[in-house]
N, C-alpha and C. Protein backbone atom coordinates (compact mmCIF):
# COMPACT_ATOMS: atom_id res chain seq x y z
N MET A 1 3.13 -47.75 0.23
CA MET A 1 3.36 -47.29 -1.12
C MET A 1 4.48 -48.14 -1.72
N SER A 2 4.23 -48.61 -2.92
CA SER A 2 5.23 -49.45 -3.57
C SER A 2 6.41 -48.60 -4.08
N LYS A 3 7.50 -49.29 -4.38
CA LYS A 3 8.67 -48.58 -4.91
C LYS A 3 8.35 -47.91 -6.24
N TYR A 4 7.52 -48.58 -7.05
CA TYR A 4 7.15 -48.01 -8.34
C TYR A 4 6.34 -46.73 -8.15
N ALA A 5 5.37 -46.74 -7.26
CA ALA A 5 4.53 -45.56 -7.01
C ALA A 5 5.38 -44.41 -6.46
N LEU A 6 6.32 -44.71 -5.58
CA LEU A 6 7.20 -43.69 -5.03
C LEU A 6 8.07 -43.09 -6.14
N PHE A 7 8.58 -43.94 -7.03
CA PHE A 7 9.39 -43.48 -8.15
C PHE A 7 8.59 -42.54 -9.05
N VAL A 8 7.37 -42.90 -9.39
CA VAL A 8 6.50 -42.08 -10.24
C VAL A 8 6.21 -40.75 -9.54
N PHE A 9 5.94 -40.77 -8.24
CA PHE A 9 5.68 -39.56 -7.47
C PHE A 9 6.89 -38.62 -7.53
N ILE A 10 8.09 -39.14 -7.35
CA ILE A 10 9.30 -38.32 -7.38
C ILE A 10 9.51 -37.72 -8.77
N ILE A 11 9.27 -38.49 -9.82
CA ILE A 11 9.41 -37.99 -11.19
C ILE A 11 8.40 -36.85 -11.43
N ILE A 12 7.17 -37.01 -11.03
CA ILE A 12 6.14 -35.98 -11.22
C ILE A 12 6.50 -34.73 -10.42
N LEU A 13 6.94 -34.91 -9.20
CA LEU A 13 7.32 -33.78 -8.35
C LEU A 13 8.49 -33.01 -8.97
N ALA A 14 9.49 -33.71 -9.46
CA ALA A 14 10.64 -33.06 -10.11
C ALA A 14 10.20 -32.30 -11.35
N TYR A 15 9.29 -32.85 -12.11
CA TYR A 15 8.78 -32.19 -13.31
C TYR A 15 8.05 -30.90 -12.93
N LEU A 16 7.20 -30.96 -11.93
CA LEU A 16 6.44 -29.78 -11.50
C LEU A 16 7.36 -28.69 -10.98
N ILE A 17 8.36 -29.05 -10.23
CA ILE A 17 9.31 -28.07 -9.71
C ILE A 17 10.10 -27.45 -10.86
N GLY A 18 10.50 -28.25 -11.81
CA GLY A 18 11.27 -27.75 -12.95
C GLY A 18 10.46 -26.85 -13.86
N CYS A 19 9.15 -27.04 -13.94
CA CYS A 19 8.30 -26.23 -14.80
C CYS A 19 7.78 -24.98 -14.10
N ASN A 20 8.03 -24.84 -12.85
CA ASN A 20 7.56 -23.68 -12.10
C ASN A 20 8.24 -22.43 -12.63
N GLN A 21 7.45 -21.45 -13.10
CA GLN A 21 8.01 -20.22 -13.61
C GLN A 21 8.22 -19.24 -12.46
N GLN A 22 9.33 -19.38 -11.81
CA GLN A 22 9.63 -18.49 -10.72
C GLN A 22 10.00 -17.13 -11.27
N SER A 23 9.69 -16.08 -10.51
CA SER A 23 10.00 -14.75 -10.98
C SER A 23 11.48 -14.45 -10.82
N LYS A 24 11.95 -13.56 -11.66
CA LYS A 24 13.36 -13.18 -11.71
C LYS A 24 13.46 -11.69 -11.43
N ASN A 25 14.65 -11.26 -11.04
CA ASN A 25 14.87 -9.83 -10.81
C ASN A 25 14.95 -9.08 -12.12
N LEU A 26 14.34 -7.92 -12.14
CA LEU A 26 14.32 -7.03 -13.29
C LEU A 26 15.36 -5.93 -13.06
N GLU A 27 16.04 -5.52 -14.09
CA GLU A 27 17.00 -4.42 -13.99
C GLU A 27 16.29 -3.12 -14.35
N VAL A 28 16.55 -2.08 -13.56
CA VAL A 28 15.91 -0.78 -13.78
C VAL A 28 16.98 0.30 -13.73
N LYS A 29 17.02 1.13 -14.77
CA LYS A 29 17.98 2.24 -14.85
C LYS A 29 17.19 3.53 -15.04
N LEU A 30 17.64 4.59 -14.42
CA LEU A 30 17.03 5.90 -14.58
C LEU A 30 17.69 6.62 -15.74
N LYS A 31 16.89 7.02 -16.70
CA LYS A 31 17.36 7.82 -17.83
C LYS A 31 16.64 9.17 -17.76
N GLN A 32 16.95 10.05 -18.66
CA GLN A 32 16.31 11.36 -18.64
C GLN A 32 14.87 11.24 -19.10
N GLY A 33 13.94 11.38 -18.15
CA GLY A 33 12.52 11.35 -18.46
C GLY A 33 11.85 9.99 -18.43
N TYR A 34 12.61 8.92 -18.20
CA TYR A 34 11.99 7.60 -18.18
C TYR A 34 12.86 6.61 -17.40
N LEU A 35 12.21 5.48 -17.05
CA LEU A 35 12.93 4.34 -16.49
C LEU A 35 13.14 3.34 -17.62
N CYS A 36 14.31 2.78 -17.65
CA CYS A 36 14.70 1.78 -18.65
C CYS A 36 14.70 0.43 -17.94
N VAL A 37 13.81 -0.49 -18.34
CA VAL A 37 13.72 -1.79 -17.68
C VAL A 37 14.08 -2.90 -18.67
N PHE A 38 14.86 -3.87 -18.15
CA PHE A 38 15.29 -4.98 -19.00
C PHE A 38 15.61 -6.19 -18.12
N THR A 39 15.70 -7.35 -18.74
CA THR A 39 15.85 -8.60 -18.00
C THR A 39 17.29 -8.93 -17.64
N ASN A 40 18.25 -8.46 -18.41
CA ASN A 40 19.66 -8.81 -18.25
C ASN A 40 19.84 -10.34 -18.34
N ASN A 41 19.04 -10.94 -19.22
CA ASN A 41 19.04 -12.39 -19.39
C ASN A 41 18.93 -12.71 -20.88
N SER A 42 19.99 -13.20 -21.47
CA SER A 42 20.00 -13.49 -22.91
C SER A 42 19.06 -14.65 -23.28
N LYS A 43 18.59 -15.38 -22.30
CA LYS A 43 17.67 -16.50 -22.57
C LYS A 43 16.20 -16.07 -22.52
N THR A 44 15.95 -14.78 -22.40
CA THR A 44 14.58 -14.26 -22.39
C THR A 44 13.91 -14.58 -23.73
N ARG A 45 12.69 -15.05 -23.67
CA ARG A 45 11.91 -15.36 -24.87
C ARG A 45 10.57 -14.65 -24.77
N TYR A 46 9.87 -14.56 -25.91
CA TYR A 46 8.56 -13.93 -25.92
C TYR A 46 7.56 -14.73 -25.10
N GLY A 47 6.55 -14.04 -24.62
CA GLY A 47 5.43 -14.68 -23.96
C GLY A 47 4.41 -15.11 -25.01
N TYR A 48 3.20 -15.33 -24.56
CA TYR A 48 2.10 -15.75 -25.43
C TYR A 48 1.94 -14.76 -26.59
N ASP A 49 1.79 -15.25 -27.79
CA ASP A 49 1.49 -14.42 -28.96
C ASP A 49 2.58 -13.37 -29.23
N ASN A 50 3.85 -13.73 -28.97
CA ASN A 50 4.98 -12.81 -29.18
C ASN A 50 4.78 -11.48 -28.45
N SER A 51 4.33 -11.56 -27.23
CA SER A 51 4.01 -10.35 -26.48
C SER A 51 4.89 -10.17 -25.25
N ILE A 52 4.96 -8.91 -24.82
CA ILE A 52 5.63 -8.50 -23.59
C ILE A 52 4.67 -7.57 -22.88
N VAL A 53 4.48 -7.76 -21.59
CA VAL A 53 3.60 -6.89 -20.81
C VAL A 53 4.42 -6.25 -19.70
N VAL A 54 4.31 -4.93 -19.60
CA VAL A 54 4.98 -4.18 -18.54
C VAL A 54 3.91 -3.49 -17.72
N SER A 55 4.01 -3.61 -16.39
CA SER A 55 3.05 -2.94 -15.52
C SER A 55 3.74 -2.44 -14.26
N THR A 56 3.15 -1.44 -13.65
CA THR A 56 3.66 -0.91 -12.39
C THR A 56 2.48 -0.66 -11.46
N GLY A 57 2.78 -0.61 -10.18
CA GLY A 57 1.76 -0.29 -9.19
C GLY A 57 2.40 -0.03 -7.85
N LYS A 58 1.73 0.80 -7.06
CA LYS A 58 2.21 1.10 -5.72
C LYS A 58 2.12 -0.13 -4.84
N ILE A 59 3.07 -0.27 -3.94
CA ILE A 59 3.03 -1.34 -2.95
C ILE A 59 2.32 -0.81 -1.71
N ASP A 60 1.21 -1.42 -1.39
CA ASP A 60 0.45 -1.06 -0.20
C ASP A 60 -0.13 -2.36 0.34
N HIS A 61 0.46 -2.86 1.42
CA HIS A 61 0.07 -4.16 1.95
C HIS A 61 -1.31 -4.14 2.61
N THR A 62 -1.94 -2.98 2.72
CA THR A 62 -3.27 -2.91 3.31
C THR A 62 -4.36 -2.99 2.25
N ARG A 63 -3.97 -2.98 0.97
CA ARG A 63 -4.94 -3.01 -0.13
C ARG A 63 -4.51 -4.03 -1.18
N GLU A 64 -5.45 -4.38 -2.03
CA GLU A 64 -5.16 -5.26 -3.16
C GLU A 64 -4.31 -4.49 -4.17
N PHE A 65 -3.38 -5.18 -4.81
CA PHE A 65 -2.50 -4.54 -5.78
C PHE A 65 -3.32 -3.95 -6.91
N GLN A 66 -2.99 -2.71 -7.27
CA GLN A 66 -3.68 -2.04 -8.35
C GLN A 66 -2.65 -1.37 -9.25
N SER A 67 -2.70 -1.68 -10.51
CA SER A 67 -1.73 -1.15 -11.46
C SER A 67 -2.06 0.30 -11.81
N ASN A 68 -1.01 1.13 -11.89
CA ASN A 68 -1.21 2.51 -12.34
C ASN A 68 -0.69 2.70 -13.77
N TYR A 69 -0.04 1.65 -14.31
CA TYR A 69 0.51 1.73 -15.67
C TYR A 69 0.61 0.31 -16.20
N GLU A 70 0.15 0.12 -17.42
CA GLU A 70 0.27 -1.19 -18.07
C GLU A 70 0.39 -0.98 -19.56
N GLN A 71 1.35 -1.70 -20.17
CA GLN A 71 1.57 -1.57 -21.60
C GLN A 71 1.85 -2.95 -22.19
N LEU A 72 1.18 -3.26 -23.28
CA LEU A 72 1.38 -4.50 -24.01
C LEU A 72 2.18 -4.19 -25.27
N TYR A 73 3.24 -4.96 -25.49
CA TYR A 73 4.06 -4.82 -26.69
C TYR A 73 4.00 -6.14 -27.45
N LYS A 74 3.82 -6.05 -28.76
CA LYS A 74 3.83 -7.25 -29.60
C LYS A 74 4.94 -7.12 -30.64
N ASN A 75 5.70 -8.19 -30.79
CA ASN A 75 6.73 -8.30 -31.82
C ASN A 75 7.79 -7.20 -31.74
N ARG A 76 8.10 -6.71 -30.55
CA ARG A 76 9.18 -5.72 -30.41
C ARG A 76 10.46 -6.46 -30.02
N VAL A 77 11.57 -5.78 -30.10
CA VAL A 77 12.84 -6.36 -29.69
C VAL A 77 12.75 -6.73 -28.21
N LEU A 78 13.24 -7.91 -27.88
CA LEU A 78 13.21 -8.35 -26.48
C LEU A 78 14.09 -7.45 -25.61
N PRO A 79 13.59 -7.03 -24.45
CA PRO A 79 14.35 -6.12 -23.57
C PRO A 79 15.35 -6.89 -22.70
N ILE A 80 16.43 -7.35 -23.32
CA ILE A 80 17.39 -8.17 -22.59
C ILE A 80 18.58 -7.37 -22.08
N ASN A 81 18.73 -6.13 -22.58
CA ASN A 81 19.84 -5.30 -22.11
C ASN A 81 19.42 -3.83 -22.13
N GLU A 82 20.31 -2.98 -21.68
CA GLU A 82 19.98 -1.56 -21.57
C GLU A 82 19.67 -0.94 -22.93
N LYS A 83 20.31 -1.39 -23.96
CA LYS A 83 20.08 -0.84 -25.30
C LYS A 83 18.69 -1.17 -25.83
N SER A 84 18.13 -2.31 -25.45
CA SER A 84 16.82 -2.73 -25.95
C SER A 84 15.72 -2.61 -24.89
N CYS A 85 15.96 -1.81 -23.86
CA CYS A 85 15.03 -1.74 -22.72
C CYS A 85 13.65 -1.20 -23.10
N VAL A 86 12.70 -1.48 -22.23
CA VAL A 86 11.36 -0.92 -22.33
C VAL A 86 11.37 0.38 -21.52
N LYS A 87 10.81 1.43 -22.09
CA LYS A 87 10.81 2.74 -21.44
C LYS A 87 9.48 2.98 -20.73
N ILE A 88 9.58 3.36 -19.45
CA ILE A 88 8.40 3.71 -18.64
C ILE A 88 8.54 5.18 -18.26
N PRO A 89 7.53 6.01 -18.55
CA PRO A 89 7.63 7.43 -18.22
C PRO A 89 7.85 7.65 -16.72
N ILE A 90 8.80 8.50 -16.38
CA ILE A 90 9.12 8.76 -14.97
C ILE A 90 7.99 9.51 -14.27
N ASN A 91 7.20 10.27 -15.02
CA ASN A 91 6.16 11.10 -14.39
C ASN A 91 4.98 10.31 -13.83
N ILE A 92 4.93 9.00 -14.03
CA ILE A 92 3.85 8.21 -13.43
C ILE A 92 4.18 7.78 -12.00
N PHE A 93 5.42 8.03 -11.56
CA PHE A 93 5.86 7.62 -10.24
C PHE A 93 5.86 8.80 -9.27
N GLU A 94 5.26 8.60 -8.11
CA GLU A 94 5.38 9.57 -7.03
C GLU A 94 6.74 9.39 -6.38
N LYS A 95 7.30 10.45 -5.88
CA LYS A 95 8.60 10.39 -5.20
C LYS A 95 8.45 9.70 -3.85
N ASN A 96 9.45 8.92 -3.48
CA ASN A 96 9.53 8.26 -2.18
C ASN A 96 8.35 7.34 -1.87
N VAL A 97 7.82 6.70 -2.90
CA VAL A 97 6.74 5.72 -2.77
C VAL A 97 7.24 4.42 -3.42
N VAL A 98 7.01 3.29 -2.77
CA VAL A 98 7.46 2.01 -3.31
C VAL A 98 6.51 1.54 -4.41
N TYR A 99 7.10 1.18 -5.55
CA TYR A 99 6.37 0.63 -6.69
C TYR A 99 6.95 -0.72 -7.06
N GLU A 100 6.10 -1.59 -7.53
CA GLU A 100 6.51 -2.87 -8.09
C GLU A 100 6.43 -2.74 -9.61
N ILE A 101 7.51 -3.04 -10.29
CA ILE A 101 7.53 -3.05 -11.75
C ILE A 101 7.61 -4.51 -12.18
N THR A 102 6.73 -4.89 -13.10
CA THR A 102 6.69 -6.27 -13.58
C THR A 102 6.81 -6.28 -15.09
N LEU A 103 7.65 -7.16 -15.60
CA LEU A 103 7.80 -7.38 -17.03
C LEU A 103 7.54 -8.86 -17.26
N GLU A 104 6.53 -9.15 -18.09
CA GLU A 104 6.16 -10.54 -18.36
C GLU A 104 6.53 -10.91 -19.78
N THR A 105 7.36 -11.92 -19.89
CA THR A 105 7.72 -12.49 -21.19
C THR A 105 7.37 -13.97 -21.08
N ASN A 106 8.32 -14.85 -21.35
CA ASN A 106 8.12 -16.27 -21.08
C ASN A 106 8.27 -16.55 -19.59
N LYS A 107 8.79 -15.58 -18.85
CA LYS A 107 8.92 -15.64 -17.40
C LYS A 107 8.45 -14.30 -16.85
N ILE A 108 8.34 -14.22 -15.55
CA ILE A 108 7.95 -12.98 -14.91
C ILE A 108 9.16 -12.39 -14.22
N TYR A 109 9.48 -11.15 -14.58
CA TYR A 109 10.58 -10.41 -13.97
C TYR A 109 9.97 -9.27 -13.17
N HIS A 110 10.55 -8.98 -12.02
CA HIS A 110 9.98 -7.90 -11.21
C HIS A 110 11.06 -7.20 -10.41
N ARG A 111 10.73 -6.01 -9.94
CA ARG A 111 11.64 -5.25 -9.07
C ARG A 111 10.80 -4.22 -8.32
N SER A 112 11.07 -4.10 -7.03
CA SER A 112 10.46 -3.05 -6.21
C SER A 112 11.45 -1.89 -6.16
N ILE A 113 10.95 -0.69 -6.44
CA ILE A 113 11.81 0.49 -6.48
C ILE A 113 11.14 1.68 -5.82
N CYS A 114 11.94 2.68 -5.53
CA CYS A 114 11.47 4.01 -5.15
C CYS A 114 12.18 5.00 -6.05
N VAL A 115 11.46 6.01 -6.49
CA VAL A 115 12.08 7.15 -7.14
C VAL A 115 12.33 8.15 -6.03
N VAL A 116 13.59 8.46 -5.79
CA VAL A 116 13.95 9.35 -4.69
C VAL A 116 14.47 10.67 -5.24
N ASP A 117 14.14 11.74 -4.53
CA ASP A 117 14.56 13.08 -4.90
C ASP A 117 15.54 13.55 -3.85
N SER A 118 16.81 13.60 -4.20
CA SER A 118 17.85 13.99 -3.27
C SER A 118 18.56 15.23 -3.79
N LYS A 119 18.33 16.35 -3.12
CA LYS A 119 18.96 17.63 -3.51
C LYS A 119 18.73 17.93 -4.99
N ASP A 120 17.48 17.84 -5.40
CA ASP A 120 17.06 18.12 -6.78
C ASP A 120 17.65 17.17 -7.82
N ASN A 121 18.13 16.02 -7.39
CA ASN A 121 18.59 14.97 -8.30
C ASN A 121 17.71 13.75 -8.10
N LEU A 122 17.10 13.29 -9.18
CA LEU A 122 16.29 12.07 -9.10
C LEU A 122 17.20 10.85 -9.14
N GLY A 123 16.81 9.83 -8.41
CA GLY A 123 17.51 8.57 -8.42
C GLY A 123 16.53 7.45 -8.18
N ILE A 124 16.98 6.22 -8.35
CA ILE A 124 16.12 5.08 -8.00
C ILE A 124 16.83 4.26 -6.95
N LYS A 125 16.03 3.63 -6.13
CA LYS A 125 16.54 2.79 -5.06
C LYS A 125 15.80 1.46 -5.14
N TYR A 126 16.54 0.36 -5.18
CA TYR A 126 15.91 -0.96 -5.13
C TYR A 126 15.45 -1.21 -3.70
N ILE A 127 14.25 -1.75 -3.56
CA ILE A 127 13.64 -2.02 -2.27
C ILE A 127 13.52 -3.53 -2.10
N ASP A 128 13.88 -4.02 -0.92
CA ASP A 128 13.77 -5.45 -0.64
C ASP A 128 12.31 -5.91 -0.72
N HIS A 129 12.11 -7.13 -1.21
CA HIS A 129 10.78 -7.72 -1.32
C HIS A 129 10.09 -7.72 0.04
N GLY A 130 8.84 -7.34 0.05
CA GLY A 130 8.05 -7.35 1.28
C GLY A 130 8.04 -6.02 2.02
N LYS A 131 8.91 -5.11 1.63
CA LYS A 131 8.94 -3.79 2.27
C LYS A 131 8.04 -2.83 1.52
N SER A 132 7.43 -1.91 2.26
CA SER A 132 6.52 -0.95 1.64
C SER A 132 6.93 0.49 1.91
N LYS A 133 8.16 0.68 2.40
CA LYS A 133 8.66 2.04 2.65
C LYS A 133 10.03 2.20 1.97
N CYS A 134 10.32 3.42 1.60
CA CYS A 134 11.58 3.71 0.88
C CYS A 134 12.78 3.85 1.81
N ASP A 135 12.58 3.81 3.09
CA ASP A 135 13.67 4.03 4.06
C ASP A 135 14.89 3.20 3.79
């Protein structure tokens, strides 16, 4: 391989790595009756057609991912902080079950959580990627 071909290969590889839309962590707060999700990233921009998509689904590594909630928002305020968050009804979540929440803008943000019931107080627990139990 010539030096020129190697140089072109490195430039193309750097471009592809730089354009890779890697997923980011999503922030999730428990409010009364809903989960408040936001990016905590001031550089968040709209996705295709000024849209934002929020979806959730149970984590079950024995089955294909299936969403139990999905909502498309167009031209709404970007959910970059707690004040502008997207609200997800708490009643769609089973207690002590791992769910993946995804928010798609110009990037993909996600977080695995459990809604836990401790002495009649609801809370949320962040779950490490790849885990399917709330323990």
